[in-house]
Protein backbone atom coordinates (compact mmCIF):
# COMPACT_ATOMS: atom_id res chain seq x y z
CA MET A 1 56.73 71.93 115.25
CA LYS A 2 53.91 73.83 113.60
CA PRO A 3 53.95 77.61 113.10
CA GLU A 4 51.42 78.21 115.88
CA GLU A 5 53.49 76.04 118.25
CA PHE A 6 56.60 78.03 117.41
CA LYS A 7 54.84 81.31 118.17
CA LYS A 8 53.41 79.87 121.39
CA TRP A 9 56.93 78.74 122.40
CA ARG A 10 58.34 82.22 121.80
CA LYS A 11 55.58 83.94 123.75
CA SER A 12 55.76 81.42 126.61
CA LEU A 13 59.39 82.47 127.15
CA GLY A 14 58.42 86.15 126.94
CA LEU A 15 60.59 86.70 123.87
CA SER A 16 60.06 89.27 121.16
CA GLN A 17 60.71 88.18 117.60
CA LYS A 18 64.00 90.07 117.79
CA ASN A 19 65.06 88.32 121.01
CA ALA A 20 64.09 84.89 119.63
CA ALA A 21 66.09 85.60 116.47
CA GLU A 22 69.15 86.59 118.49
CA MET A 23 68.93 83.53 120.75
CA LEU A 24 68.50 81.16 117.80
CA GLY A 25 71.10 82.88 115.61
CA LEU A 26 68.54 83.80 112.96
CA LYS A 27 67.27 86.94 111.28
CA ILE A 28 63.95 88.39 112.44
CA ARG A 29 62.48 87.72 109.00
CA ILE A 30 63.10 83.97 109.42
CA ILE A 31 61.24 84.05 112.75
CA GLN A 32 58.34 85.72 110.95
CA TYR A 33 58.38 83.04 108.23
CA TYR A 34 58.37 80.28 110.85
CA GLU A 35 55.43 81.87 112.65
CA LYS A 36 53.44 82.24 109.41
CA GLY A 37 54.55 78.88 108.03
CA LYS A 38 55.04 80.54 104.66
CA LYS A 39 57.44 82.64 102.66
CA GLY A 40 55.24 84.20 100.03
CA LYS A 41 53.33 81.24 98.62
CA LYS A 42 55.97 78.70 99.60
CA THR A 43 55.38 76.57 102.72
CA ILE A 44 58.19 76.83 105.27
CA ASN A 45 58.96 73.94 107.59
CA ILE A 46 60.81 74.60 110.82
CA PRO A 47 64.04 72.57 110.69
CA LYS A 48 64.68 69.93 113.36
CA TYR A 49 67.79 71.73 114.60
CA ILE A 50 65.69 74.85 115.30
CA GLN A 51 63.11 72.73 117.10
CA LEU A 52 65.88 71.22 119.24
CA ALA A 53 67.33 74.67 119.95
CA CYS A 54 63.88 75.84 121.07
CA LEU A 55 63.62 72.88 123.42
CA ALA A 56 67.09 73.57 124.83
CA LEU A 57 66.22 77.23 125.46
CA GLU A 58 62.96 76.21 127.13
CA ILE A 59 64.79 73.78 129.44
CA GLN A 60 67.45 76.38 130.21
CA ASN A 61 64.72 78.88 131.07
CA LYS A 62 63.08 76.40 133.46
CA ILE A 63 66.40 75.59 135.15
CA ASN A 64 67.16 79.28 135.62
CA LYS A 65 63.81 79.75 137.39
CA ILE A 66 64.66 77.12 140.02
C-alpha cells in the first residue's frame, strides 16, 4: 500500500486521521507518516499488518452498510 492509497482508504471510509489512528491502534503521528510516506528524510513503509487491518475495516464498513 502506497501513501496515497492509504490516505484514499481513510477518506473513503470518512475517517479523520484521529479516527483512523484509534481504529488501527496507532498514534495520529504514525497516520501522518504513513500518508506522507516519510518520517523526516526516512522513507516509511506501511507494514503488512496495517494493510490487512485496513482491509478488514473496509470489509466491516461494507457489511455494516448492507
